[in-house]
Amino acid sequence: MEPETALELVRNGVTLLLLDVPQFTLIGIDTQMFSMGPVFKGIKMIPPGPHYVYYCSSNRSSCSLMVQIVVPRDTMEISPIRDGSEFSQTVGFFIDTRPSEVIVGKWDQQSERLVKL
């Protein structure tokens, strides 16, 4: 990333703050996916505008997540493995963000979902 672009995103980028999300939860925005670590608290420097946010928590049930990436003339399947390969259903939603906006979500343990604060 060019320094000017990074500086612009620091000044005007959106921050997605995610509180109390369990470790190993998969969380993504648009085409980027992350596995939540012990100090992962969210995503910053997101360009303003519409985005698709999605997540999948580690689960004791036997619902597995399969991500399928279609590339020209080929299909590649990826099965995430983390502390086993058991995940809940993937949940997603759209956000339409403004410059310098901070969106805060908190994990609800009972429903295993992000709740907007």
PDB file of N, CA and C in Angstrom:
ATOM      1  N   MET A   1       0.842  -1.169   0.000  1.00  0.00           N
ATOM      2  CA  MET A   1       0.000   0.000   0.000  1.00  0.00           C
ATOM      3  C   MET A   1       0.889   1.234   0.000  1.00  0.00           C
ATOM      4  N   GLU A   2       0.517   2.182  -0.809  1.00  0.00           N
ATOM      5  CA  GLU A   2       1.263   3.434  -0.886  1.00  0.00           C
ATOM      6  C   GLU A   2       1.124   4.210   0.422  1.00  0.00           C
ATOM      7  N   PRO A   3       2.178   4.900   0.858  1.00  0.00           N
ATOM      8  CA  PRO A   3       2.111   5.659   2.109  1.00  0.00           C
ATOM      9  C   PRO A   3       0.973   6.687   2.138  1.00  0.00           C
ATOM     10  N   GLU A   4       0.707   7.335   1.009  1.00  0.00           N
ATOM     11  CA  GLU A   4      -0.360   8.335   0.948  1.00  0.00           C
ATOM     12  C   GLU A   4      -1.729   7.678   1.165  1.00  0.00           C
ATOM     13  N   THR A   5      -1.921   6.498   0.580  1.00  0.00           N
ATOM     14  CA  THR A   5      -3.175   5.765   0.735  1.00  0.00           C
ATOM     15  C   THR A   5      -3.356   5.335   2.181  1.00  0.00           C
ATOM     16  N   ALA A   6      -2.292   4.829   2.788  1.00  0.00           N
ATOM     17  CA  ALA A   6      -2.357   4.404   4.186  1.00  0.00           C
ATOM     18  C   ALA A   6      -2.682   5.580   5.096  1.00  0.00           C
ATOM     19  N   LEU A   7      -2.060   6.720   4.870  1.00  0.00           N
ATOM     20  CA  LEU A   7      -2.313   7.901   5.682  1.00  0.00           C
ATOM     21  C   LEU A   7      -3.759   8.358   5.536  1.00  0.00           C
ATOM     22  N   GLU A   8      -4.283   8.314   4.316  1.00  0.00           N
ATOM     23  CA  GLU A   8      -5.686   8.678   4.077  1.00  0.00           C
ATOM     24  C   GLU A   8      -6.634   7.735   4.815  1.00  0.00           C
ATOM     25  N   LEU A   9      -6.331   6.435   4.822  1.00  0.00           N
ATOM     26  CA  LEU A   9      -7.178   5.469   5.524  1.00  0.00           C
ATOM     27  C   LEU A   9      -7.067   5.617   7.037  1.00  0.00           C
ATOM     28  N   VAL A  10      -5.904   6.019   7.536  1.00  0.00           N
ATOM     29  CA  VAL A  10      -5.761   6.282   8.975  1.00  0.00           C
ATOM     30  C   VAL A  10      -6.642   7.471   9.352  1.00  0.00           C
ATOM     31  N   ARG A  11      -6.657   8.484   8.509  1.00  0.00           N
ATOM     32  CA  ARG A  11      -7.436   9.697   8.802  1.00  0.00           C
ATOM     33  C   ARG A  11      -8.940   9.482   8.613  1.00  0.00           C
ATOM     34  N   ASN A  12      -9.338   8.822   7.526  1.00  0.00           N
ATOM     35  CA  ASN A  12     -10.753   8.741   7.156  1.00  0.00           C
ATOM     36  C   ASN A  12     -11.314   7.333   7.122  1.00  0.00           C
ATOM     37  N   GLY A  13     -10.500   6.341   7.413  1.00  0.00           N
ATOM     38  CA  GLY A  13     -10.958   4.961   7.338  1.00  0.00           C
ATOM     39  C   GLY A  13     -11.917   4.600   8.458  1.00  0.00           C
ATOM     40  N   VAL A  14     -12.643   3.539   8.245  1.00  0.00           N
ATOM     41  CA  VAL A  14     -13.629   3.040   9.195  1.00  0.00           C
ATOM     42  C   VAL A  14     -12.956   2.010  10.098  1.00  0.00           C
ATOM     43  N   THR A  15     -13.412   1.930  11.356  1.00  0.00           N
ATOM     44  CA  THR A  15     -12.921   0.937  12.305  1.00  0.00           C
ATOM     45  C   THR A  15     -14.077   0.045  12.711  1.00  0.00           C
ATOM     46  N   LEU A  16     -13.860  -1.248  12.646  1.00  0.00           N
ATOM     47  CA  LEU A  16     -14.828  -2.244  13.088  1.00  0.00           C
ATOM     48  C   LEU A  16     -14.267  -2.859  14.366  1.00  0.00           C
ATOM     49  N   LEU A  17     -14.799  -2.444  15.521  1.00  0.00           N
ATOM     50  CA  LEU A  17     -14.338  -2.904  16.825  1.00  0.00           C
ATOM     51  C   LEU A  17     -15.209  -4.083  17.256  1.00  0.00           C
ATOM     52  N   LEU A  18     -14.583  -5.211  17.565  1.00  0.00           N
ATOM     53  CA  LEU A  18     -15.302  -6.443  17.902  1.00  0.00           C
ATOM     54  C   LEU A  18     -14.911  -6.882  19.304  1.00  0.00           C
ATOM     55  N   LEU A  19     -15.855  -6.823  20.239  1.00  0.00           N
ATOM     56  CA  LEU A  19     -15.584  -7.093  21.644  1.00  0.00           C
ATOM     57  C   LEU A  19     -16.014  -8.506  22.037  1.00  0.00           C
ATOM     58  N   ASP A  20     -15.197  -9.155  22.839  1.00  0.00           N
ATOM     59  CA  ASP A  20     -15.504 -10.459  23.442  1.00  0.00           C
ATOM     60  C   ASP A  20     -15.740 -11.588  22.439  1.00  0.00           C
ATOM     61  N   VAL A  21     -15.187 -11.469  21.243  1.00  0.00           N
ATOM     62  CA  VAL A  21     -15.338 -12.534  20.245  1.00  0.00           C
ATOM     63  C   VAL A  21     -14.396 -13.679  20.622  1.00  0.00           C
ATOM     64  N   PRO A  22     -14.905 -14.917  20.670  1.00  0.00           N
ATOM     65  CA  PRO A  22     -14.055 -16.046  21.072  1.00  0.00           C
ATOM     66  C   PRO A  22     -12.873 -16.262  20.127  1.00  0.00           C
ATOM     67  N   GLN A  23     -11.780 -16.703  20.705  1.00  0.00           N
ATOM     68  CA  GLN A  23     -10.599 -17.023  19.908  1.00  0.00           C
ATOM     69  C   GLN A  23     -10.958 -18.083  18.875  1.00  0.00           C
ATOM     70  N   PHE A  24     -10.358 -18.022  17.722  1.00  0.00           N
ATOM     71  CA  PHE A  24     -10.518 -18.927  16.579  1.00  0.00           C
ATOM     72  C   PHE A  24     -11.771 -18.665  15.752  1.00  0.00           C
ATOM     73  N   THR A  25     -12.621 -17.710  16.155  1.00  0.00           N
ATOM     74  CA  THR A  25     -13.756 -17.365  15.316  1.00  0.00           C
ATOM     75  C   THR A  25     -13.225 -16.822  14.000  1.00  0.00           C
ATOM     76  N   LEU A  26     -13.811 -17.245  12.909  1.00  0.00           N
ATOM     77  CA  LEU A  26     -13.441 -16.719  11.591  1.00  0.00           C
ATOM     78  C   LEU A  26     -14.285 -15.486  11.334  1.00  0.00           C
ATOM     79  N   ILE A  27     -13.641 -14.391  10.950  1.00  0.00           N
ATOM     80  CA  ILE A  27     -14.371 -13.166  10.647  1.00  0.00           C
ATOM     81  C   ILE A  27     -13.822 -12.584   9.368  1.00  0.00           C
ATOM     82  N   GLY A  28     -14.705 -12.076   8.521  1.00  0.00           N
ATOM     83  CA  GLY A  28     -14.252 -11.537   7.255  1.00  0.00           C
ATOM     84  C   GLY A  28     -14.977 -10.269   6.877  1.00  0.00           C
ATOM     85  N   ILE A  29     -14.331  -9.515   6.016  1.00  0.00           N
ATOM     86  CA  ILE A  29     -14.940  -8.338   5.420  1.00  0.00           C
ATOM     87  C   ILE A  29     -14.561  -8.346   3.947  1.00  0.00           C
ATOM     88  N   ASP A  30     -15.576  -8.307   3.099  1.00  0.00           N
ATOM     89  CA  ASP A  30     -15.398  -8.381   1.657  1.00  0.00           C
ATOM     90  C   ASP A  30     -14.612  -9.648   1.291  1.00  0.00           C
ATOM     91  N   THR A  31     -13.395  -9.525   0.810  1.00  0.00           N
ATOM     92  CA  THR A  31     -12.623 -10.705   0.394  1.00  0.00           C
ATOM     93  C   THR A  31     -11.554 -11.118   1.399  1.00  0.00           C
ATOM     94  N   GLN A  32     -11.481 -10.443   2.542  1.00  0.00           N
ATOM     95  CA  GLN A  32     -10.458 -10.738   3.539  1.00  0.00           C
ATOM     96  C   GLN A  32     -11.072 -11.528   4.697  1.00  0.00           C
ATOM     97  N   MET A  33     -10.412 -12.615   5.128  1.00  0.00           N
ATOM     98  CA  MET A  33     -10.896 -13.406   6.253  1.00  0.00           C
ATOM     99  C   MET A  33      -9.777 -13.551   7.277  1.00  0.00           C
ATOM    100  N   PHE A  34     -10.152 -13.488   8.564  1.00  0.00           N
ATOM    101  CA  PHE A  34      -9.194 -13.570   9.655  1.00  0.00           C
ATOM    102  C   PHE A  34      -9.663 -14.603  10.666  1.00  0.00           C
ATOM    103  N   SER A  35      -8.720 -15.227  11.351  1.00  0.00           N
ATOM    104  CA  SER A  35      -9.025 -16.085  12.484  1.00  0.00           C
ATOM    105  C   SER A  35      -8.714 -15.287  13.739  1.00  0.00           C
ATOM    106  N   MET A  36      -9.700 -15.110  14.599  1.00  0.00           N
ATOM    107  CA  MET A  36      -9.537 -14.294  15.792  1.00  0.00           C
ATOM    108  C   MET A  36      -8.499 -14.917  16.723  1.00  0.00           C
ATOM    109  N   GLY A  37      -7.506 -14.140  17.082  1.00  0.00           N
ATOM    110  CA  GLY A  37      -6.503 -14.563  18.042  1.00  0.00           C
ATOM    111  C   GLY A  37      -6.808 -13.961  19.403  1.00  0.00           C
ATOM    112  N   PRO A  38      -5.946 -14.198  20.381  1.00  0.00           N
ATOM    113  CA  PRO A  38      -6.223 -13.725  21.737  1.00  0.00           C
ATOM    114  C   PRO A  38      -6.215 -12.202  21.880  1.00  0.00           C
ATOM    115  N   VAL A  39      -5.549 -11.473  20.985  1.00  0.00           N
ATOM    116  CA  VAL A  39      -5.509 -10.012  21.097  1.00  0.00           C
ATOM    117  C   VAL A  39      -6.202  -9.306  19.927  1.00  0.00           C
ATOM    118  N   PHE A  40      -6.811 -10.058  19.038  1.00  0.00           N
ATOM    119  CA  PHE A  40      -7.507  -9.478  17.881  1.00  0.00           C
ATOM    120  C   PHE A  40      -8.771  -8.784  18.360  1.00  0.00           C
ATOM    121  N   LYS A  41      -8.900  -7.499  18.100  1.00  0.00           N
ATOM    122  CA  LYS A  41     -10.055  -6.727  18.578  1.00  0.00           C
ATOM    123  C   LYS A  41     -10.864  -6.106  17.448  1.00  0.00           C
ATOM    124  N   GLY A  42     -10.446  -6.283  16.217  1.00  0.00           N
ATOM    125  CA  GLY A  42     -11.222  -5.718  15.130  1.00  0.00           C
ATOM    126  C   GLY A  42     -10.382  -5.416  13.909  1.00  0.00           C
ATOM    127  N   ILE A  43     -10.979  -4.618  13.033  1.00  0.00           N
ATOM    128  CA  ILE A  43     -10.354  -4.283  11.750  1.00  0.00           C
ATOM    129  C   ILE A  43     -10.397  -2.764  11.605  1.00  0.00           C
ATOM    130  N   LYS A  44      -9.278  -2.174  11.184  1.00  0.00           N
ATOM    131  CA  LYS A  44      -9.240  -0.728  10.998  1.00  0.00           C
ATOM    132  C   LYS A  44      -8.776  -0.402   9.583  1.00  0.00           C
ATOM    133  N   MET A  45      -8.816   0.865   9.250  1.00  0.00           N
ATOM    134  CA  MET A  45      -8.403   1.372   7.943  1.00  0.00           C
ATOM    135  C   MET A  45      -9.248   0.774   6.812  1.00  0.00           C
ATOM    136  N   ILE A  46     -10.538   0.619   7.072  1.00  0.00           N
ATOM    137  CA  ILE A  46     -11.470   0.128   6.056  1.00  0.00           C
ATOM    138  C   ILE A  46     -11.930   1.331   5.240  1.00  0.00           C
ATOM    139  N   PRO A  47     -11.872   1.265   3.917  1.00  0.00           N
ATOM    140  CA  PRO A  47     -12.351   2.397   3.118  1.00  0.00           C
ATOM    141  C   PRO A  47     -13.841   2.641   3.363  1.00  0.00           C
ATOM    142  N   PRO A  48     -14.269   3.902   3.452  1.00  0.00           N
ATOM    143  CA  PRO A  48     -15.693   4.190   3.619  1.00  0.00           C
ATOM    144  C   PRO A  48     -16.498   3.632   2.441  1.00  0.00           C
ATOM    145  N   GLY A  49     -17.759   3.282   2.702  1.00  0.00           N
ATOM    146  CA  GLY A  49     -18.630   2.758   1.653  1.00  0.00           C
ATOM    147  C   GLY A  49     -19.254   1.441   2.068  1.00  0.00           C
ATOM    148  N   PRO A  50     -19.899   0.767   1.126  1.00  0.00           N
ATOM    149  CA  PRO A  50     -20.567  -0.498   1.451  1.00  0.00           C
ATOM    150  C   PRO A  50     -19.585  -1.663   1.556  1.00  0.00           C
ATOM    151  N   HIS A  51     -19.827  -2.550   2.534  1.00  0.00           N
ATOM    152  CA  HIS A  51     -18.992  -3.730   2.749  1.00  0.00           C
ATOM    153  C   HIS A  51     -19.859  -4.887   3.225  1.00  0.00           C
ATOM    154  N   TYR A  52     -19.377  -6.098   3.008  1.00  0.00           N
ATOM    155  CA  TYR A  52     -20.045  -7.299   3.495  1.00  0.00           C
ATOM    156  C   TYR A  52     -19.191  -7.890   4.610  1.00  0.00           C
ATOM    157  N   VAL A  53     -19.765  -8.024   5.811  1.00  0.00           N
ATOM    158  CA  VAL A  53     -19.075  -8.576   6.978  1.00  0.00           C
ATOM    159  C   VAL A  53     -19.687  -9.936   7.274  1.00  0.00           C
ATOM    160  N   TYR A  54     -18.856 -10.923   7.581  1.00  0.00           N
ATOM    161  CA  TYR A  54     -19.358 -12.271   7.861  1.00  0.00           C
ATOM    162  C   TYR A  54     -18.485 -12.927   8.917  1.00  0.00           C
ATOM    163  N   TYR A  55     -19.065 -13.902   9.629  1.00  0.00           N
ATOM    164  CA  TYR A  55     -18.316 -14.592  10.671  1.00  0.00           C
ATOM    165  C   TYR A  55     -18.859 -15.988  10.873  1.00  0.00           C
ATOM    166  N   CYS A  56     -18.028 -16.817  11.491  1.00  0.00           N
ATOM    167  CA  CYS A  56     -18.361 -18.208  11.768  1.00  0.00           C
ATOM    168  C   CYS A  56     -17.614 -18.600  13.032  1.00  0.00           C
ATOM    169  N   SER A  57     -18.366 -18.928  14.084  1.00  0.00           N
ATOM    170  CA  SER A  57     -17.719 -19.238  15.358  1.00  0.00           C
ATOM    171  C   SER A  57     -17.424 -20.720  15.484  1.00  0.00           C
ATOM    172  N   SER A  58     -16.446 -21.024  16.325  1.00  0.00           N
ATOM    173  CA  SER A  58     -16.154 -22.407  16.641  1.00  0.00           C
ATOM    174  C   SER A  58     -17.343 -22.949  17.408  1.00  0.00           C
ATOM    175  N   ASN A  59     -17.691 -24.209  17.160  1.00  0.00           N
ATOM    176  CA  ASN A  59     -18.923 -24.753  17.704  1.00  0.00           C
ATOM    177  C   ASN A  59     -18.725 -26.206  18.089  1.00  0.00           C
ATOM    178  N   ARG A  60     -19.515 -26.669  19.014  1.00  0.00           N
ATOM    179  CA  ARG A  60     -19.445 -28.070  19.420  1.00  0.00           C
ATOM    180  C   ARG A  60     -20.271 -28.959  18.494  1.00  0.00           C
ATOM    181  N   SER A  61     -21.166 -28.368  17.728  1.00  0.00           N
ATOM    182  CA  SER A  61     -21.968 -29.184  16.810  1.00  0.00           C
ATOM    183  C   SER A  61     -21.123 -29.575  15.606  1.00  0.00           C
ATOM    184  N   SER A  62     -21.664 -30.369  14.750  1.00  0.00           N
ATOM    185  CA  SER A  62     -20.871 -30.879  13.632  1.00  0.00           C
ATOM    186  C   SER A  62     -21.133 -30.135  12.338  1.00  0.00           C
ATOM    187  N   CYS A  63     -21.413 -28.852  12.418  1.00  0.00           N
ATOM    188  CA  CYS A  63     -21.586 -28.038  11.212  1.00  0.00           C
ATOM    189  C   CYS A  63     -20.215 -27.554  10.780  1.00  0.00           C
ATOM    190  N   SER A  64     -19.751 -27.953   9.633  1.00  0.00           N
ATOM    191  CA  SER A  64     -18.432 -27.507   9.185  1.00  0.00           C
ATOM    192  C   SER A  64     -18.577 -26.447   8.113  1.00  0.00           C
ATOM    193  N   LEU A  65     -17.620 -25.568   8.054  1.00  0.00           N
ATOM    194  CA  LEU A  65     -17.608 -24.501   7.072  1.00  0.00           C
ATOM    195  C   LEU A  65     -16.718 -24.914   5.919  1.00  0.00           C
ATOM    196  N   MET A  66     -17.217 -24.781   4.712  1.00  0.00           N
ATOM    197  CA  MET A  66     -16.421 -25.038   3.531  1.00  0.00           C
ATOM    198  C   MET A  66     -16.434 -23.764   2.704  1.00  0.00           C
ATOM    199  N   VAL A  67     -15.281 -23.204   2.459  1.00  0.00           N
ATOM    200  CA  VAL A  67     -15.172 -22.018   1.640  1.00  0.00           C
ATOM    201  C   VAL A  67     -14.759 -22.468   0.253  1.00  0.00           C
ATOM    202  N   GLN A  68     -15.495 -22.063  -0.751  1.00  0.00           N
ATOM    203  CA  GLN A  68     -15.165 -22.459  -2.111  1.00  0.00           C
ATOM    204  C   GLN A  68     -14.770 -21.213  -2.878  1.00  0.00           C
ATOM    205  N   ILE A  69     -13.574 -21.227  -3.414  1.00  0.00           N
ATOM    206  CA  ILE A  69     -13.066 -20.102  -4.179  1.00  0.00           C
ATOM    207  C   ILE A  69     -13.023 -20.530  -5.640  1.00  0.00           C
ATOM    208  N   VAL A  70     -13.703 -19.779  -6.493  1.00  0.00           N
ATOM    209  CA  VAL A  70     -13.712 -20.099  -7.911  1.00  0.00           C
ATOM    210  C   VAL A  70     -12.716 -19.181  -8.606  1.00  0.00           C
ATOM    211  N   VAL A  71     -11.767 -19.785  -9.274  1.00  0.00           N
ATOM    212  CA  VAL A  71     -10.771 -19.037 -10.033  1.00  0.00           C
ATOM    213  C   VAL A  71     -10.901 -19.453 -11.487  1.00  0.00           C
ATOM    214  N   PRO A  72     -10.459 -18.637 -12.408  1.00  0.00           N
ATOM    215  CA  PRO A  72     -10.600 -18.994 -13.822  1.00  0.00           C
ATOM    216  C   PRO A  72     -10.082 -20.396 -14.132  1.00  0.00           C
ATOM    217  N   ARG A  73     -10.935 -21.215 -14.773  1.00  0.00           N
ATOM    218  CA  ARG A  73     -10.608 -22.569 -15.221  1.00  0.00           C
ATOM    219  C   ARG A  73     -10.306 -23.551 -14.102  1.00  0.00           C
ATOM    220  N   ASP A  74     -10.615 -23.191 -12.867  1.00  0.00           N
ATOM    221  CA  ASP A  74     -10.288 -24.096 -11.775  1.00  0.00           C
ATOM    222  C   ASP A  74     -11.163 -23.773 -10.572  1.00  0.00           C
ATOM    223  N   THR A  75     -11.368 -24.730  -9.717  1.00  0.00           N
ATOM    224  CA  THR A  75     -12.079 -24.508  -8.461  1.00  0.00           C
ATOM    225  C   THR A  75     -11.216 -25.055  -7.343  1.00  0.00           C
ATOM    226  N   MET A  76     -11.043 -24.247  -6.319  1.00  0.00           N
ATOM    227  CA  MET A  76     -10.221 -24.651  -5.199  1.00  0.00           C
ATOM    228  C   MET A  76     -11.092 -24.653  -3.951  1.00  0.00           C
ATOM    229  N   GLU A  77     -11.047 -25.716  -3.162  1.00  0.00           N
ATOM    230  CA  GLU A  77     -11.813 -25.784  -1.934  1.00  0.00           C
ATOM    231  C   GLU A  77     -10.865 -25.681  -0.746  1.00  0.00           C
ATOM    232  N   ILE A  78     -11.278 -24.905   0.245  1.00  0.00           N
ATOM    233  CA  ILE A  78     -10.454 -24.703   1.428  1.00  0.00           C
ATOM    234  C   ILE A  78     -11.291 -25.073   2.647  1.00  0.00           C
ATOM    235  N   SER A  79     -10.801 -25.966   3.468  1.00  0.00           N
ATOM    236  CA  SER A  79     -11.470 -26.304   4.724  1.00  0.00           C
ATOM    237  C   SER A  79     -10.639 -25.758   5.874  1.00  0.00           C
ATOM    238  N   PRO A  80     -11.120 -24.706   6.552  1.00  0.00           N
ATOM    239  CA  PRO A  80     -10.337 -24.183   7.664  1.00  0.00           C
ATOM    240  C   PRO A  80     -10.255 -25.194   8.801  1.00  0.00           C
ATOM    241  N   ILE A  81      -9.105 -25.294   9.402  1.00  0.00           N
ATOM    242  CA  ILE A  81      -8.915 -26.186  10.542  1.00  0.00           C
ATOM    243  C   ILE A  81      -8.433 -25.342  11.697  1.00  0.00           C
ATOM    244  N   ARG A  82      -9.166 -25.376  12.784  1.00  0.00           N
ATOM    245  CA  ARG A  82      -8.746 -24.623  13.948  1.00  0.00           C
ATOM    246  C   ARG A  82      -9.320 -25.292  15.168  1.00  0.00           C
ATOM    247  N   ASP A  83      -8.460 -25.774  15.978  1.00  0.00           N
ATOM    248  CA  ASP A  83      -8.897 -26.413  17.212  1.00  0.00           C
ATOM    249  C   ASP A  83      -9.962 -27.450  16.879  1.00  0.00           C
ATOM    250  N   GLY A  84      -9.740 -28.213  15.815  1.00  0.00           N
ATOM    251  CA  GLY A  84     -10.752 -29.097  15.263  1.00  0.00           C
ATOM    252  C   GLY A  84     -11.307 -28.440  14.014  1.00  0.00           C
ATOM    253  N   SER A  85     -12.297 -29.023  13.432  1.00  0.00           N
ATOM    254  CA  SER A  85     -12.866 -28.419  12.216  1.00  0.00           C
ATOM    255  C   SER A  85     -14.372 -28.246  12.364  1.00  0.00           C
ATOM    256  N   GLU A  86     -14.820 -27.868  13.534  1.00  0.00           N
ATOM    257  CA  GLU A  86     -16.244 -27.732  13.793  1.00  0.00           C
ATOM    258  C   GLU A  86     -16.601 -26.253  13.925  1.00  0.00           C
ATOM    259  N   PHE A  87     -17.556 -25.821  13.113  1.00  0.00           N
ATOM    260  CA  PHE A  87     -17.946 -24.420  13.085  1.00  0.00           C
ATOM    261  C   PHE A  87     -19.453 -24.293  13.064  1.00  0.00           C
ATOM    262  N   SER A  88     -19.938 -23.161  13.512  1.00  0.00           N
ATOM    263  CA  SER A  88     -21.356 -22.873  13.387  1.00  0.00           C
ATOM    264  C   SER A  88     -21.615 -22.362  11.979  1.00  0.00           C
ATOM    265  N   GLN A  89     -22.848 -22.075  11.701  1.00  0.00           N
ATOM    266  CA  GLN A  89     -23.236 -21.554  10.397  1.00  0.00           C
ATOM    267  C   GLN A  89     -22.630 -20.168  10.184  1.00  0.00           C
ATOM    268  N   THR A  90     -22.256 -19.856   8.961  1.00  0.00           N
ATOM    269  CA  THR A  90     -21.712 -18.542   8.645  1.00  0.00           C
ATOM    270  C   THR A  90     -22.844 -17.517   8.634  1.00  0.00           C
ATOM    271  N   VAL A  91     -22.616 -16.392   9.308  1.00  0.00           N
ATOM    272  CA  VAL A  91     -23.588 -15.306   9.386  1.00  0.00           C
ATOM    273  C   VAL A  91     -22.962 -14.088   8.730  1.00  0.00           C
ATOM    274  N   GLY A  92     -23.724 -13.361   7.922  1.00  0.00           N
ATOM    275  CA  GLY A  92     -23.190 -12.182   7.261  1.00  0.00           C
ATOM    276  C   GLY A  92     -24.195 -11.058   7.196  1.00  0.00           C
ATOM    277  N   PHE A  93     -23.687  -9.850   6.999  1.00  0.00           N
ATOM    278  CA  PHE A  93     -24.540  -8.675   6.884  1.00  0.00           C
ATOM    279  C   PHE A  93     -23.787  -7.578   6.136  1.00  0.00           C
ATOM    280  N   PHE A  94     -24.529  -6.646   5.566  1.00  0.00           N
ATOM    281  CA  PHE A  94     -23.939  -5.514   4.863  1.00  0.00           C
ATOM    282  C   PHE A  94     -23.869  -4.316   5.800  1.00  0.00           C
ATOM    283  N   ILE A  95     -22.813  -3.524   5.612  1.00  0.00           N
ATOM    284  CA  ILE A  95     -22.701  -2.242   6.298  1.00  0.00           C
ATOM    285  C   ILE A  95     -22.403  -1.180   5.247  1.00  0.00           C
ATOM    286  N   ASP A  96     -22.917   0.011   5.441  1.00  0.00           N
ATOM    287  CA  ASP A  96     -22.615   1.141   4.566  1.00  0.00           C
ATOM    288  C   ASP A  96     -22.009   2.210   5.465  1.00  0.00           C
ATOM    289  N   THR A  97     -20.717   2.434   5.331  1.00  0.00           N
ATOM    290  CA  THR A  97     -19.983   3.234   6.304  1.00  0.00           C
ATOM    291  C   THR A  97     -19.652   4.633   5.800  1.00  0.00           C
ATOM    292  N   ARG A  98     -19.469   5.530   6.754  1.00  0.00           N
ATOM    293  CA  ARG A  98     -19.073   6.903   6.478  1.00  0.00           C
ATOM    294  C   ARG A  98     -17.614   7.102   6.914  1.00  0.00           C
ATOM    295  N   PRO A  99     -16.939   8.112   6.399  1.00  0.00           N
ATOM    296  CA  PRO A  99     -15.551   8.363   6.801  1.00  0.00           C
ATOM    297  C   PRO A  99     -15.405   8.502   8.319  1.00  0.00           C
ATOM    298  N   SER A 100     -14.368   7.907   8.854  1.00  0.00           N
ATOM    299  CA  SER A 100     -13.993   7.959  10.276  1.00  0.00           C
ATOM    300  C   SER A 100     -15.016   7.324  11.213  1.00  0.00           C
ATOM    301  N   GLU A 101     -15.943   6.549  10.695  1.00  0.00           N
ATOM    302  CA  GLU A 101     -16.958   5.902  11.531  1.00  0.00           C
ATOM    303  C   GLU A 101     -16.342   4.748  12.318  1.00  0.00           C
ATOM    304  N   VAL A 102     -16.812   4.564  13.541  1.00  0.00           N
ATOM    305  CA  VAL A 102     -16.409   3.430  14.367  1.00  0.00           C
ATOM    306  C   VAL A 102     -17.661   2.599  14.623  1.00  0.00           C
ATOM    307  N   ILE A 103     -17.638   1.337  14.205  1.00  0.00           N
ATOM    308  CA  ILE A 103     -18.757   0.422  14.412  1.00  0.00           C
ATOM    309  C   ILE A 103     -18.334  -0.570  15.484  1.00  0.00           C
ATOM    310  N   VAL A 104     -19.158  -0.702  16.518  1.00  0.00           N
ATOM    311  CA  VAL A 104     -18.813  -1.572  17.634  1.00  0.00           C
ATOM    312  C   VAL A 104     -19.792  -2.733  17.694  1.00  0.00           C
ATOM    313  N   GLY A 105     -19.245  -3.933  17.759  1.00  0.00           N
ATOM    314  CA  GLY A 105     -20.044  -5.135  17.925  1.00  0.00           C
ATOM    315  C   GLY A 105     -19.556  -5.902  19.142  1.00  0.00           C
ATOM    316  N   LYS A 106     -20.478  -6.529  19.858  1.00  0.00           N
ATOM    317  CA  LYS A 106     -20.124  -7.313  21.042  1.00  0.00           C
ATOM    318  C   LYS A 106     -20.661  -8.723  20.847  1.00  0.00           C
ATOM    319  N   TRP A 107     -19.871  -9.700  21.243  1.00  0.00           N
ATOM    320  CA  TRP A 107     -20.250 -11.099  21.091  1.00  0.00           C
ATOM    321  C   TRP A 107     -21.263 -11.493  22.154  1.00  0.00           C
ATOM    322  N   ASP A 108     -22.383 -12.072  21.736  1.00  0.00           N
ATOM    323  CA  ASP A 108     -23.381 -12.609  22.658  1.00  0.00           C
ATOM    324  C   ASP A 108     -23.135 -14.103  22.769  1.00  0.00           C
ATOM    325  N   GLN A 109     -22.633 -14.524  23.926  1.00  0.00           N
ATOM    326  CA  GLN A 109     -22.268 -15.930  24.135  1.00  0.00           C
ATOM    327  C   GLN A 109     -23.463 -16.864  23.964  1.00  0.00           C
ATOM    328  N   GLN A 110     -24.627 -16.449  24.441  1.00  0.00           N
ATOM    329  CA  GLN A 110     -25.782 -17.320  24.424  1.00  0.00           C
ATOM    330  C   GLN A 110     -26.250 -17.627  22.998  1.00  0.00           C
ATOM    331  N   SER A 111     -26.341 -16.596  22.165  1.00  0.00           N
ATOM    332  CA  SER A 111     -26.811 -16.802  20.791  1.00  0.00           C
ATOM    333  C   SER A 111     -25.671 -17.044  19.808  1.00  0.00           C
ATOM    334  N   GLU A 112     -24.424 -16.912  20.258  1.00  0.00           N
ATOM    335  CA  GLU A 112     -23.229 -17.025  19.415  1.00  0.00           C
ATOM    336  C   GLU A 112     -23.321 -16.118  18.194  1.00  0.00           C
ATOM    337  N   ARG A 113     -23.631 -14.847  18.459  1.00  0.00           N
ATOM    338  CA  ARG A 113     -23.752 -13.857  17.391  1.00  0.00           C
ATOM    339  C   ARG A 113     -23.167 -12.534  17.837  1.00  0.00           C
ATOM    340  N   LEU A 114     -22.788 -11.713  16.830  1.00  0.00           N
ATOM    341  CA  LEU A 114     -22.363 -10.346  17.090  1.00  0.00           C
ATOM    342  C   LEU A 114     -23.602  -9.466  17.225  1.00  0.00           C
ATOM    343  N   VAL A 115     -23.606  -8.619  18.233  1.00  0.00           N
ATOM    344  CA  VAL A 115     -24.698  -7.681  18.454  1.00  0.00           C
ATOM    345  C   VAL A 115     -24.123  -6.282  18.325  1.00  0.00           C
ATOM    346  N   LYS A 116     -24.745  -5.446  17.501  1.00  0.00           N
ATOM    347  CA  LYS A 116     -24.254  -4.080  17.316  1.00  0.00           C
ATOM    348  C   LYS A 116     -24.572  -3.245  18.554  1.00  0.00           C
ATOM    349  N   LEU A 117     -23.573  -2.507  19.046  1.00  0.00           N
ATOM    350  CA  LEU A 117     -23.777  -1.622  20.201  1.00  0.00           C
ATOM    351  C   LEU A 117     -23.984  -0.212  19.737  1.00  0.00           C
TER     352      LEU A 117
END
